Structure formats: structure tokens, C-alpha cells
Amino acid sequence: MKKLMVTCALLTCATVGAFAQNSKAPGKNVATAATPGQPAPLTPMSRPANAPSPEQMKLNFVENQARAFERQYGLTKEQYKGIYAACMEHINKQNEMEAKNKQMTTQDYEKLLFEKDAKFKKVMNAAQYAKYISTRTKPVPQPGPSVGQQK
């Protein structure tokens, strides 16, 4: 019985030891090591040289959003320009509020949406705006502190 227990213990140690070995060369940074044939993984601090800047990402987002509205609601070029400007202003105000408050409340976000909707109403015709309102998603209320709880 002792031999069986010793044999099992040795097999367990050998198995654990085999899986615990690092397959990478010593001294090599595991975060930057890549599997052969695969690109190196991105870390939060590393960005490829050809990656868009945050400003460019914002412009791309607004462009894509305005193009989607153009296709979905059949906007003219003038309407597209107005929608693009409203979307850009909405994103800029949202970024400013997030920079100041670190986290927007539901009321802040609803106020921004109301302002954006007012601009959309000026730009779109009645049928387009009615279709926009019917397809627009409503903000989901965020849970706040319970009654009697302090922040």
C-alpha cells in the first residue's frame, strides 16, 4: 500500500511539474510573446502604429452614424450635413460631460438626447422624424442608491 501511495504521489508531482513549466525562453516578456504564426497580443499600453487616434475614432463613429441615418431615413445631402453636425455636437457634449463628471447620470444623458432630437426635428421632414422617433432606442435607467442610502 505504501508503494502505491508513493507512486501516485510521484506521478502527481511529475504531472504538475510538467504543466507548471513555462514554454517561453527565460527572461522573455510573456505579454509580448506571440504564438508562432500569430501577431503579438496587444496590451493596454501598446497600440499599433497604424491604429486610429481617439479623435479619428470619434470622427469615424460620427460619420458611420450619420451615414446609417442617411440610408435608414433617406436623407438628402443637406439633411445629411445637418445630421452629421448634430451627431458631432452630441458626441462633443457627451465627452465634455464625461470629462467633468466622470460618469453621466440618466438625466444628463436624456437631456443630451433631447437636444439632439430637437436638432434632428429641425433637419428632417415630418415623416423622417416620425420614423426616427419610432425606431430610436430609449436610454435604460441606471440603478441609483436605495432610499435611505447615502452615496
Protein backbone atom coordinates (compact mmCIF):
# COMPACT_ATOMS: atom_id res chain seq x y z
CA MET A 1 0.00 0.00 0.00
CA LYS A 2 2.88 2.37 0.79
CA LYS A 3 4.42 1.72 -2.62
CA LEU A 4 1.14 2.55 -4.34
CA MET A 5 0.77 5.83 -2.39
CA VAL A 6 4.38 6.84 -3.10
CA THR A 7 3.96 6.01 -6.80
CA CYS A 8 0.76 8.08 -7.02
CA ALA A 9 2.41 11.00 -5.22
CA LEU A 10 5.42 10.91 -7.59
CA LEU A 11 3.19 10.74 -10.66
CA THR A 12 1.13 13.69 -9.40
CA CYS A 13 4.26 15.77 -8.71
CA ALA A 14 5.71 14.93 -12.12
CA THR A 15 2.46 15.83 -13.87
CA VAL A 16 2.06 19.12 -12.02
CA GLY A 17 5.73 19.95 -12.60
CA ALA A 18 5.43 19.28 -16.32
CA PHE A 19 2.44 21.60 -16.70
CA ALA A 20 3.96 24.30 -14.49
CA GLN A 21 6.97 24.78 -16.76
CA ASN A 22 6.99 27.94 -18.87
CA SER A 23 7.36 27.06 -22.52
CA LYS A 24 8.82 30.51 -23.27
CA ALA A 25 12.51 31.24 -23.01
CA PRO A 26 13.57 32.66 -19.63
CA GLY A 27 13.70 36.44 -19.49
CA LYS A 28 11.22 36.84 -22.32
CA ASN A 29 8.22 39.04 -21.62
CA VAL A 30 5.16 36.77 -21.77
CA ALA A 31 2.83 39.68 -22.65
CA THR A 32 4.75 40.43 -25.83
CA ALA A 33 5.47 36.84 -26.78
CA ALA A 34 3.44 35.63 -29.71
CA THR A 35 2.38 32.18 -30.74
CA PRO A 36 4.22 31.21 -33.92
CA GLY A 37 2.26 32.49 -36.90
CA GLN A 38 0.16 34.84 -34.74
CA PRO A 39 0.62 38.59 -34.18
CA ALA A 40 1.85 39.76 -30.81
CA PRO A 41 -1.01 40.38 -28.36
CA LEU A 42 -1.95 43.98 -27.68
CA THR A 43 -1.59 45.30 -24.18
CA PRO A 44 -3.48 48.35 -22.94
CA MET A 45 -0.36 50.46 -23.30
CA SER A 46 0.63 49.26 -26.76
CA ARG A 47 -1.15 50.40 -29.88
CA PRO A 48 -0.18 49.57 -33.44
CA ALA A 49 1.35 52.44 -35.36
CA ASN A 50 -1.50 52.40 -37.88
CA ALA A 51 -4.27 52.41 -35.23
CA PRO A 52 -6.56 55.44 -35.41
CA SER A 53 -6.25 58.11 -32.76
CA PRO A 54 -9.13 58.66 -30.34
CA GLU A 55 -10.09 61.80 -32.30
CA GLN A 56 -10.11 59.84 -35.56
CA MET A 57 -12.19 57.09 -33.92
CA LYS A 58 -14.72 59.74 -32.84
CA LEU A 59 -14.89 61.15 -36.38
CA ASN A 60 -15.34 57.65 -37.83
CA PHE A 61 -18.12 56.92 -35.34
CA VAL A 62 -20.00 60.13 -36.18
CA GLU A 63 -19.51 59.53 -39.92
CA ASN A 64 -20.85 55.97 -39.65
CA GLN A 65 -23.78 57.09 -37.52
CA ALA A 66 -24.73 59.88 -39.94
CA ARG A 67 -24.40 57.51 -42.94
CA ALA A 68 -26.66 55.00 -41.20
CA PHE A 69 -29.28 57.72 -40.63
CA GLU A 70 -28.92 58.77 -44.28
CA ARG A 71 -29.61 55.22 -45.50
CA GLN A 72 -32.32 54.45 -42.97
CA TYR A 73 -34.35 57.65 -43.39
CA GLY A 74 -33.49 58.61 -47.00
CA LEU A 75 -31.81 61.92 -46.16
CA THR A 76 -30.74 64.46 -48.77
CA LYS A 77 -27.18 65.83 -48.80
CA GLU A 78 -28.25 68.96 -46.90
CA GLN A 79 -30.09 66.87 -44.33
CA TYR A 80 -27.04 64.60 -44.03
CA LYS A 81 -24.86 67.61 -43.23
CA GLY A 82 -27.29 68.77 -40.54
CA ILE A 83 -27.50 65.29 -39.02
CA TYR A 84 -23.69 64.97 -39.10
CA ALA A 85 -23.34 68.32 -37.29
CA ALA A 86 -25.95 67.32 -34.68
CA CYS A 87 -24.23 63.97 -34.07
CA MET A 88 -20.82 65.65 -33.77
CA GLU A 89 -22.17 68.20 -31.32
CA HIS A 90 -23.87 65.42 -29.31
CA ILE A 91 -20.62 63.42 -29.06
CA ASN A 92 -18.59 66.51 -28.13
CA LYS A 93 -21.04 67.48 -25.37
CA GLN A 94 -21.13 63.90 -24.10
CA ASN A 95 -17.31 63.78 -23.96
CA GLU A 96 -17.21 67.13 -22.13
CA MET A 97 -19.75 65.98 -19.54
CA GLU A 98 -17.94 62.68 -19.03
CA ALA A 99 -14.66 64.54 -18.55
CA LYS A 100 -16.25 66.80 -15.91
CA ASN A 101 -18.43 64.30 -14.06
CA LYS A 102 -16.53 61.06 -14.74
CA GLN A 103 -19.97 59.38 -15.03
CA MET A 104 -23.11 60.79 -16.61
CA THR A 105 -26.45 60.40 -14.89
CA THR A 106 -29.52 59.22 -16.77
CA GLN A 107 -30.92 62.75 -16.59
CA ASP A 108 -27.77 64.18 -18.19
CA TYR A 109 -27.93 61.64 -21.00
CA GLU A 110 -31.66 62.22 -21.56
CA LYS A 111 -31.03 65.97 -21.75
CA LEU A 112 -28.37 65.42 -24.43
CA LEU A 113 -30.71 63.12 -26.36
CA PHE A 114 -33.50 65.71 -26.13
CA GLU A 115 -31.18 68.38 -27.59
CA LYS A 116 -30.06 66.04 -30.38
CA ASP A 117 -33.66 65.09 -31.15
CA ALA A 118 -34.61 68.78 -31.36
CA LYS A 119 -31.84 69.34 -33.92
CA PHE A 120 -32.93 66.25 -35.86
CA LYS A 121 -36.52 67.57 -35.91
CA LYS A 122 -35.30 70.83 -37.49
CA VAL A 123 -33.35 68.95 -40.17
CA MET A 124 -35.71 66.07 -41.04
CA ASN A 125 -39.17 66.28 -42.56
CA ALA A 126 -42.17 65.09 -40.54
CA ALA A 127 -42.22 61.54 -41.97
CA GLN A 128 -38.48 61.04 -41.47
CA TYR A 129 -38.62 62.37 -37.91
CA ALA A 130 -41.62 60.19 -37.04
CA LYS A 131 -39.74 57.14 -38.33
CA TYR A 132 -36.65 58.20 -36.35
CA ILE A 133 -38.62 58.59 -33.11
CA SER A 134 -40.34 55.23 -33.61
CA THR A 135 -37.00 53.42 -34.11
CA ARG A 136 -34.91 55.34 -31.57
CA THR A 137 -33.91 53.35 -28.51
CA LYS A 138 -34.73 54.78 -25.13
CA PRO A 139 -31.97 55.09 -22.50
CA VAL A 140 -32.00 52.36 -19.90
CA PRO A 141 -32.32 53.80 -16.37
CA GLN A 142 -29.30 53.11 -14.21
CA PRO A 143 -29.93 51.85 -10.69
CA GLY A 144 -29.29 54.51 -8.09
CA PRO A 145 -28.86 54.30 -4.35
CA SER A 146 -31.82 52.91 -2.42
CA VAL A 147 -33.97 55.19 -0.29
CA GLY A 148 -32.14 55.90 2.92
CA GLN A 149 -28.72 55.01 1.48
CA GLN A 150 -26.12 57.69 1.14
CA LYS A 151 -23.64 57.93 -1.71
